[in-house]
């Protein structure tokens, strides 16, 4: 049973502490939207290239790009996984902060660890996007 009823001041403190994770969630959501848009462009391009008839010699050289597009799609898929994991960690962090407040438990160290983990996954997603962008730029060199 609860030893002490949670006060409005405790809830207010948790809400103010949840501001940074809320901003991170917003950033993660916007970032996932960007990643999915890039993934859709790669999928559309792959579909167009795969639709060329096998005997069409004038466009067969373009099908060489398909393995590169697959690599880029794998990188984007990994970036999306990292970003979603970051969002999940951030959401769990906010839930645990409110639950800890209601149960009068200390949550500062756990919150710091969870927020750091969420940021690490977000950073991993950004690095993976960087690798995909470099691969895309390398593809541009292929056409020139």
N, C-alpha and C. Protein backbone atom coordinates (compact mmCIF):
# COMPACT_ATOMS: atom_id res chain seq x y z
N UNK A 1 0.85 -1.17 0.00
CA UNK A 1 0.00 0.00 0.00
C UNK A 1 0.89 1.23 0.00
N UNK A 2 0.40 2.30 -0.52
CA UNK A 2 1.17 3.53 -0.60
C UNK A 2 1.30 4.16 0.79
N UNK A 3 2.54 4.54 1.14
CA UNK A 3 2.78 5.17 2.44
C UNK A 3 2.24 6.60 2.49
N UNK A 4 2.34 7.27 1.39
CA UNK A 4 1.98 8.67 1.35
C UNK A 4 1.28 8.94 0.02
N UNK A 5 0.26 9.72 0.05
CA UNK A 5 -0.46 10.05 -1.17
C UNK A 5 0.39 11.00 -2.00
N UNK A 6 0.44 10.76 -3.30
CA UNK A 6 1.20 11.61 -4.20
C UNK A 6 0.58 13.00 -4.23
N UNK A 7 1.43 13.98 -4.10
CA UNK A 7 0.93 15.36 -4.08
C UNK A 7 0.99 15.96 -5.47
N UNK A 8 0.27 17.04 -5.63
CA UNK A 8 0.29 17.76 -6.91
C UNK A 8 1.69 18.28 -7.22
N UNK A 9 2.44 18.60 -6.18
CA UNK A 9 3.81 19.09 -6.39
C UNK A 9 4.70 17.99 -6.98
N UNK A 10 4.53 16.76 -6.51
CA UNK A 10 5.32 15.65 -7.05
C UNK A 10 4.97 15.42 -8.53
N UNK A 11 3.69 15.43 -8.83
CA UNK A 11 3.26 15.23 -10.22
C UNK A 11 3.79 16.37 -11.09
N UNK A 12 3.72 17.59 -10.59
CA UNK A 12 4.22 18.75 -11.32
C UNK A 12 5.71 18.61 -11.60
N UNK A 13 6.46 18.11 -10.63
CA UNK A 13 7.90 17.91 -10.80
C UNK A 13 8.17 16.87 -11.88
N UNK A 14 7.41 15.80 -11.88
CA UNK A 14 7.60 14.75 -12.90
C UNK A 14 7.26 15.29 -14.29
N UNK A 15 6.18 16.07 -14.36
CA UNK A 15 5.81 16.65 -15.66
C UNK A 15 6.92 17.55 -16.18
N UNK A 16 7.51 18.36 -15.31
CA UNK A 16 8.60 19.24 -15.75
C UNK A 16 9.83 18.43 -16.14
N UNK A 17 10.05 17.29 -15.47
CA UNK A 17 11.18 16.44 -15.82
C UNK A 17 10.93 15.67 -17.11
N UNK A 18 9.68 15.54 -17.49
CA UNK A 18 9.34 14.80 -18.71
C UNK A 18 9.45 15.68 -19.96
N UNK A 19 9.82 16.94 -19.80
CA UNK A 19 9.91 17.85 -20.94
C UNK A 19 10.98 17.41 -21.94
N UNK A 20 12.17 17.13 -21.46
CA UNK A 20 13.26 16.72 -22.36
C UNK A 20 12.92 15.42 -23.09
N UNK A 21 12.40 14.39 -22.40
CA UNK A 21 12.01 13.20 -23.14
C UNK A 21 10.89 13.47 -24.16
N UNK A 22 10.00 14.41 -23.85
CA UNK A 22 8.93 14.73 -24.80
C UNK A 22 9.51 15.37 -26.06
N UNK A 23 10.50 16.23 -25.90
CA UNK A 23 11.15 16.81 -27.07
C UNK A 23 11.89 15.74 -27.87
N UNK A 24 12.53 14.81 -27.17
CA UNK A 24 13.21 13.72 -27.86
C UNK A 24 12.21 12.87 -28.63
N UNK A 25 11.06 12.60 -28.04
CA UNK A 25 10.03 11.83 -28.75
C UNK A 25 9.58 12.54 -30.02
N UNK A 26 9.41 13.85 -29.94
CA UNK A 26 9.03 14.62 -31.12
C UNK A 26 10.10 14.55 -32.20
N UNK A 27 11.35 14.66 -31.79
CA UNK A 27 12.46 14.58 -32.75
C UNK A 27 12.54 13.20 -33.38
N UNK A 28 12.36 12.17 -32.57
CA UNK A 28 12.41 10.79 -33.08
C UNK A 28 11.28 10.56 -34.08
N UNK A 29 10.07 11.05 -33.76
CA UNK A 29 8.94 10.87 -34.67
C UNK A 29 9.20 11.56 -36.01
N UNK A 30 9.71 12.78 -35.98
CA UNK A 30 10.01 13.50 -37.22
C UNK A 30 11.12 12.80 -37.99
N UNK A 31 12.11 12.30 -37.27
CA UNK A 31 13.23 11.62 -37.90
C UNK A 31 12.78 10.32 -38.56
N UNK A 32 11.90 9.58 -37.90
CA UNK A 32 11.38 8.35 -38.48
C UNK A 32 10.62 8.65 -39.76
N UNK A 33 9.90 9.75 -39.78
CA UNK A 33 9.19 10.16 -40.99
C UNK A 33 10.16 10.39 -42.15
N UNK A 34 11.28 11.05 -41.86
CA UNK A 34 12.30 11.28 -42.89
C UNK A 34 12.88 9.96 -43.38
N UNK A 35 13.18 9.06 -42.45
CA UNK A 35 13.75 7.76 -42.82
C UNK A 35 12.77 6.95 -43.68
N UNK A 36 11.51 6.97 -43.32
CA UNK A 36 10.52 6.20 -44.09
C UNK A 36 10.35 6.80 -45.49
N UNK A 37 10.41 8.11 -45.59
CA UNK A 37 10.32 8.75 -46.91
C UNK A 37 11.49 8.32 -47.79
N UNK A 38 12.68 8.30 -47.23
CA UNK A 38 13.85 7.85 -47.99
C UNK A 38 13.71 6.38 -48.38
N UNK A 39 13.20 5.57 -47.46
CA UNK A 39 13.00 4.15 -47.75
C UNK A 39 11.99 3.97 -48.89
N UNK A 40 10.92 4.75 -48.87
CA UNK A 40 9.91 4.66 -49.94
C UNK A 40 10.50 5.04 -51.29
N UNK A 41 11.36 6.04 -51.31
CA UNK A 41 12.00 6.44 -52.58
C UNK A 41 12.88 5.31 -53.12
N UNK A 42 13.60 4.66 -52.23
CA UNK A 42 14.45 3.55 -52.67
C UNK A 42 13.59 2.40 -53.17
N UNK A 43 12.51 2.10 -52.47
CA UNK A 43 11.62 1.01 -52.89
C UNK A 43 11.00 1.32 -54.26
N UNK A 44 10.56 2.55 -54.45
CA UNK A 44 9.99 2.93 -55.75
C UNK A 44 11.02 2.79 -56.87
N UNK A 45 12.21 3.25 -56.60
CA UNK A 45 13.27 3.16 -57.61
C UNK A 45 13.62 1.70 -57.92
N UNK A 46 13.67 0.88 -56.89
CA UNK A 46 13.95 -0.55 -57.10
C UNK A 46 12.85 -1.21 -57.93
N UNK A 47 11.61 -0.85 -57.65
CA UNK A 47 10.50 -1.41 -58.41
C UNK A 47 10.57 -1.01 -59.89
N UNK A 48 10.92 0.23 -60.16
CA UNK A 48 11.03 0.69 -61.56
C UNK A 48 12.16 -0.06 -62.26
N UNK A 49 13.30 -0.18 -61.59
CA UNK A 49 14.43 -0.86 -62.21
C UNK A 49 14.16 -2.35 -62.41
N UNK A 50 13.43 -2.96 -61.50
CA UNK A 50 13.13 -4.39 -61.61
C UNK A 50 12.09 -4.65 -62.69
N UNK A 51 11.33 -3.63 -63.05
CA UNK A 51 10.25 -3.82 -64.03
C UNK A 51 10.76 -3.81 -65.47
N UNK A 52 12.01 -3.42 -65.70
CA UNK A 52 12.53 -3.41 -67.07
C UNK A 52 12.58 -4.84 -67.60
N UNK A 53 12.19 -5.04 -68.85
CA UNK A 53 12.29 -6.38 -69.44
C UNK A 53 13.76 -6.82 -69.51
N UNK A 54 13.97 -8.10 -69.37
CA UNK A 54 15.35 -8.61 -69.34
C UNK A 54 16.07 -8.43 -70.67
N UNK A 55 15.35 -8.37 -71.75
CA UNK A 55 15.99 -8.23 -73.05
C UNK A 55 16.26 -6.80 -73.45
N UNK A 56 15.86 -5.84 -72.66
CA UNK A 56 16.03 -4.42 -72.99
C UNK A 56 17.47 -4.00 -72.71
N UNK A 57 18.30 -4.04 -73.74
CA UNK A 57 19.73 -3.75 -73.58
C UNK A 57 20.00 -2.27 -73.30
N UNK A 58 19.11 -1.39 -73.72
CA UNK A 58 19.35 0.04 -73.52
C UNK A 58 19.26 0.43 -72.05
N UNK A 59 18.57 -0.37 -71.25
CA UNK A 59 18.41 -0.04 -69.83
C UNK A 59 18.97 -1.10 -68.89
N UNK A 60 19.53 -2.13 -69.41
CA UNK A 60 20.03 -3.21 -68.55
C UNK A 60 21.16 -2.76 -67.64
N UNK A 61 21.93 -1.75 -68.06
CA UNK A 61 23.03 -1.25 -67.22
C UNK A 61 22.50 -0.62 -65.93
N UNK A 62 21.24 -0.18 -65.94
CA UNK A 62 20.66 0.43 -64.74
C UNK A 62 20.37 -0.61 -63.66
N UNK A 63 20.16 -1.86 -64.07
CA UNK A 63 19.84 -2.90 -63.09
C UNK A 63 21.06 -3.27 -62.23
N UNK A 64 22.22 -2.82 -62.62
CA UNK A 64 23.43 -3.04 -61.82
C UNK A 64 23.30 -2.29 -60.48
N UNK A 65 22.45 -1.28 -60.45
CA UNK A 65 22.28 -0.45 -59.25
C UNK A 65 21.46 -1.18 -58.18
N UNK A 66 20.71 -2.19 -58.55
CA UNK A 66 19.84 -2.87 -57.59
C UNK A 66 20.55 -3.34 -56.32
N UNK A 67 21.72 -3.98 -56.39
CA UNK A 67 22.39 -4.36 -55.13
C UNK A 67 22.74 -3.16 -54.25
N UNK A 68 23.09 -2.04 -54.87
CA UNK A 68 23.39 -0.83 -54.09
C UNK A 68 22.13 -0.31 -53.40
N UNK A 69 21.02 -0.37 -54.11
CA UNK A 69 19.76 0.07 -53.51
C UNK A 69 19.36 -0.84 -52.35
N UNK A 70 19.63 -2.14 -52.51
CA UNK A 70 19.34 -3.08 -51.41
C UNK A 70 20.18 -2.75 -50.18
N UNK A 71 21.45 -2.43 -50.40
CA UNK A 71 22.32 -2.06 -49.27
C UNK A 71 21.81 -0.81 -48.58
N UNK A 72 21.42 0.18 -49.37
CA UNK A 72 20.88 1.41 -48.79
C UNK A 72 19.59 1.14 -48.03
N UNK A 73 18.75 0.27 -48.57
CA UNK A 73 17.49 -0.07 -47.89
C UNK A 73 17.77 -0.77 -46.57
N UNK A 74 18.77 -1.65 -46.54
CA UNK A 74 19.14 -2.31 -45.29
C UNK A 74 19.63 -1.31 -44.26
N UNK A 75 20.44 -0.34 -44.70
CA UNK A 75 20.93 0.69 -43.79
C UNK A 75 19.77 1.53 -43.23
N UNK A 76 18.84 1.90 -44.11
CA UNK A 76 17.69 2.68 -43.64
C UNK A 76 16.82 1.86 -42.70
N UNK A 77 16.67 0.58 -42.98
CA UNK A 77 15.88 -0.28 -42.10
C UNK A 77 16.52 -0.33 -40.71
N UNK A 78 17.83 -0.43 -40.67
CA UNK A 78 18.54 -0.45 -39.39
C UNK A 78 18.37 0.90 -38.67
N UNK A 79 18.46 2.00 -39.42
CA UNK A 79 18.28 3.33 -38.82
C UNK A 79 16.87 3.47 -38.24
N UNK A 80 15.88 2.95 -38.94
CA UNK A 80 14.51 2.99 -38.44
C UNK A 80 14.38 2.16 -37.17
N UNK A 81 15.00 0.99 -37.15
CA UNK A 81 14.96 0.15 -35.95
C UNK A 81 15.58 0.88 -34.75
N UNK A 82 16.73 1.50 -34.97
CA UNK A 82 17.37 2.25 -33.88
C UNK A 82 16.49 3.40 -33.40
N UNK A 83 15.89 4.13 -34.33
CA UNK A 83 15.06 5.27 -33.96
C UNK A 83 13.81 4.82 -33.20
N UNK A 84 13.19 3.74 -33.65
CA UNK A 84 12.00 3.23 -32.96
C UNK A 84 12.39 2.75 -31.55
N UNK A 85 13.52 2.09 -31.43
CA UNK A 85 13.99 1.65 -30.11
C UNK A 85 14.23 2.85 -29.20
N UNK A 86 14.78 3.92 -29.76
CA UNK A 86 14.98 5.15 -28.99
C UNK A 86 13.64 5.70 -28.51
N UNK A 87 12.65 5.70 -29.38
CA UNK A 87 11.32 6.17 -29.00
C UNK A 87 10.69 5.31 -27.93
N UNK A 88 10.87 4.01 -28.03
CA UNK A 88 10.32 3.09 -27.02
C UNK A 88 11.00 3.33 -25.67
N UNK A 89 12.32 3.47 -25.67
CA UNK A 89 13.04 3.74 -24.41
C UNK A 89 12.57 5.05 -23.78
N UNK A 90 12.37 6.05 -24.61
CA UNK A 90 11.93 7.34 -24.10
C UNK A 90 10.52 7.25 -23.52
N UNK A 91 9.65 6.52 -24.20
CA UNK A 91 8.29 6.34 -23.70
C UNK A 91 8.28 5.59 -22.38
N UNK A 92 9.08 4.53 -22.29
CA UNK A 92 9.18 3.76 -21.04
C UNK A 92 9.73 4.66 -19.93
N UNK A 93 10.68 5.51 -20.27
CA UNK A 93 11.23 6.44 -19.30
C UNK A 93 10.14 7.33 -18.70
N UNK A 94 9.30 7.90 -19.53
CA UNK A 94 8.23 8.78 -19.04
C UNK A 94 7.24 7.99 -18.19
N UNK A 95 6.88 6.80 -18.64
CA UNK A 95 5.94 5.97 -17.88
C UNK A 95 6.52 5.62 -16.51
N UNK A 96 7.80 5.21 -16.48
CA UNK A 96 8.43 4.86 -15.22
C UNK A 96 8.57 6.07 -14.29
N UNK A 97 8.79 7.24 -14.86
CA UNK A 97 8.89 8.44 -14.04
C UNK A 97 7.58 8.72 -13.32
N UNK A 98 6.47 8.60 -14.04
CA UNK A 98 5.17 8.83 -13.41
C UNK A 98 4.85 7.71 -12.41
N UNK A 99 5.14 6.47 -12.78
CA UNK A 99 4.87 5.36 -11.86
C UNK A 99 5.70 5.50 -10.59
N UNK A 100 6.97 5.88 -10.74
CA UNK A 100 7.83 6.07 -9.57
C UNK A 100 7.31 7.18 -8.68
N UNK A 101 6.82 8.23 -9.29
CA UNK A 101 6.27 9.33 -8.50
C UNK A 101 5.03 8.88 -7.72
N UNK A 102 4.18 8.13 -8.38
CA UNK A 102 2.97 7.64 -7.71
C UNK A 102 3.29 6.69 -6.57
N UNK A 103 4.37 5.93 -6.73
CA UNK A 103 4.75 4.95 -5.71
C UNK A 103 5.81 5.51 -4.74
N UNK A 104 6.11 6.79 -4.86
CA UNK A 104 7.11 7.45 -4.02
C UNK A 104 8.48 6.75 -4.05
N UNK A 105 8.91 6.39 -5.24
CA UNK A 105 10.20 5.75 -5.42
C UNK A 105 11.17 6.75 -6.06
N UNK A 106 12.43 6.60 -5.73
CA UNK A 106 13.45 7.42 -6.37
C UNK A 106 13.65 6.91 -7.80
N UNK A 107 13.66 7.82 -8.74
CA UNK A 107 13.79 7.39 -10.13
C UNK A 107 14.86 8.16 -10.90
N UNK A 108 15.59 9.02 -10.23
CA UNK A 108 16.54 9.89 -10.91
C UNK A 108 17.63 9.11 -11.65
N UNK A 109 18.23 8.14 -10.97
CA UNK A 109 19.32 7.39 -11.61
C UNK A 109 18.79 6.53 -12.76
N UNK A 110 17.67 5.89 -12.52
CA UNK A 110 17.06 5.09 -13.59
C UNK A 110 16.67 5.94 -14.77
N UNK A 111 16.14 7.13 -14.50
CA UNK A 111 15.75 8.04 -15.59
C UNK A 111 16.98 8.48 -16.38
N UNK A 112 18.06 8.75 -15.69
CA UNK A 112 19.29 9.16 -16.37
C UNK A 112 19.81 8.04 -17.26
N UNK A 113 19.76 6.82 -16.77
CA UNK A 113 20.23 5.67 -17.55
C UNK A 113 19.32 5.45 -18.77
N UNK A 114 18.01 5.48 -18.56
CA UNK A 114 17.08 5.27 -19.67
C UNK A 114 17.21 6.37 -20.72
N UNK A 115 17.36 7.62 -20.28
CA UNK A 115 17.50 8.72 -21.23
C UNK A 115 18.79 8.58 -22.02
N UNK A 116 19.86 8.15 -21.34
CA UNK A 116 21.14 7.94 -22.03
C UNK A 116 21.03 6.82 -23.06
N UNK A 117 20.34 5.76 -22.71
CA UNK A 117 20.14 4.65 -23.65
C UNK A 117 19.34 5.12 -24.85
N UNK A 118 18.29 5.89 -24.61
CA UNK A 118 17.47 6.42 -25.71
C UNK A 118 18.32 7.30 -26.63
N UNK A 119 19.16 8.13 -26.04
CA UNK A 119 20.03 8.99 -26.85
C UNK A 119 21.06 8.18 -27.63
N UNK A 120 21.57 7.11 -27.03
CA UNK A 120 22.52 6.25 -27.75
C UNK A 120 21.86 5.61 -28.97
N UNK A 121 20.64 5.13 -28.81
CA UNK A 121 19.93 4.55 -29.96
C UNK A 121 19.64 5.61 -31.01
N UNK A 122 19.30 6.81 -30.58
CA UNK A 122 19.06 7.90 -31.53
C UNK A 122 20.35 8.24 -32.27
N UNK A 123 21.46 8.28 -31.55
CA UNK A 123 22.76 8.55 -32.18
C UNK A 123 23.12 7.44 -33.17
N UNK A 124 22.84 6.18 -32.81
CA UNK A 124 23.11 5.06 -33.72
C UNK A 124 22.28 5.21 -34.99
N UNK A 125 21.05 5.67 -34.83
CA UNK A 125 20.20 5.88 -36.00
C UNK A 125 20.77 6.98 -36.89
N UNK A 126 21.25 8.06 -36.28
CA UNK A 126 21.85 9.15 -37.06
C UNK A 126 23.11 8.69 -37.80
N UNK A 127 23.93 7.90 -37.13
CA UNK A 127 25.16 7.39 -37.77
C UNK A 127 24.80 6.47 -38.93
N UNK A 128 23.79 5.64 -38.75
CA UNK A 128 23.37 4.74 -39.82
C UNK A 128 22.82 5.54 -41.00
N UNK A 129 22.09 6.62 -40.72
CA UNK A 129 21.63 7.49 -41.80
C UNK A 129 22.83 8.11 -42.53
N UNK A 130 23.84 8.50 -41.79
CA UNK A 130 25.05 9.05 -42.41
C UNK A 130 25.66 8.04 -43.37
N UNK A 131 25.72 6.78 -42.97
CA UNK A 131 26.25 5.73 -43.86
C UNK A 131 25.41 5.59 -45.11
N UNK A 132 24.09 5.70 -44.95
CA UNK A 132 23.20 5.58 -46.11
C UNK A 132 23.37 6.77 -47.04
N UNK A 133 23.52 7.97 -46.48
CA UNK A 133 23.72 9.17 -47.31
C UNK A 133 25.03 9.05 -48.08
N UNK A 134 26.07 8.55 -47.43
CA UNK A 134 27.34 8.35 -48.14
C UNK A 134 27.19 7.34 -49.27
N UNK A 135 26.43 6.28 -49.02
CA UNK A 135 26.18 5.29 -50.07
C UNK A 135 25.41 5.93 -51.23
N UNK A 136 24.46 6.80 -50.90
CA UNK A 136 23.68 7.48 -51.95
C UNK A 136 24.59 8.39 -52.77
N UNK A 137 25.51 9.09 -52.10
CA UNK A 137 26.44 9.95 -52.83
C UNK A 137 27.38 9.12 -53.70
N UNK A 138 27.75 7.95 -53.21
CA UNK A 138 28.59 7.05 -54.01
C UNK A 138 27.82 6.61 -55.25
N UNK A 139 26.53 6.37 -55.11
CA UNK A 139 25.70 6.00 -56.27
C UNK A 139 25.68 7.12 -57.30
N UNK A 140 25.69 8.37 -56.85
CA UNK A 140 25.73 9.48 -57.80
C UNK A 140 27.01 9.46 -58.60
N UNK A 141 28.13 9.13 -57.97
CA UNK A 141 29.41 9.02 -58.67
C UNK A 141 29.36 7.92 -59.72
N UNK A 142 28.56 6.91 -59.50
CA UNK A 142 28.42 5.80 -60.43
C UNK A 142 27.82 6.27 -61.75
N UNK A 143 26.91 7.23 -61.69
CA UNK A 143 26.23 7.70 -62.89
C UNK A 143 27.03 8.73 -63.66
N UNK A 144 27.96 9.39 -63.01
CA UNK A 144 28.69 10.48 -63.66
C UNK A 144 29.86 9.96 -64.47
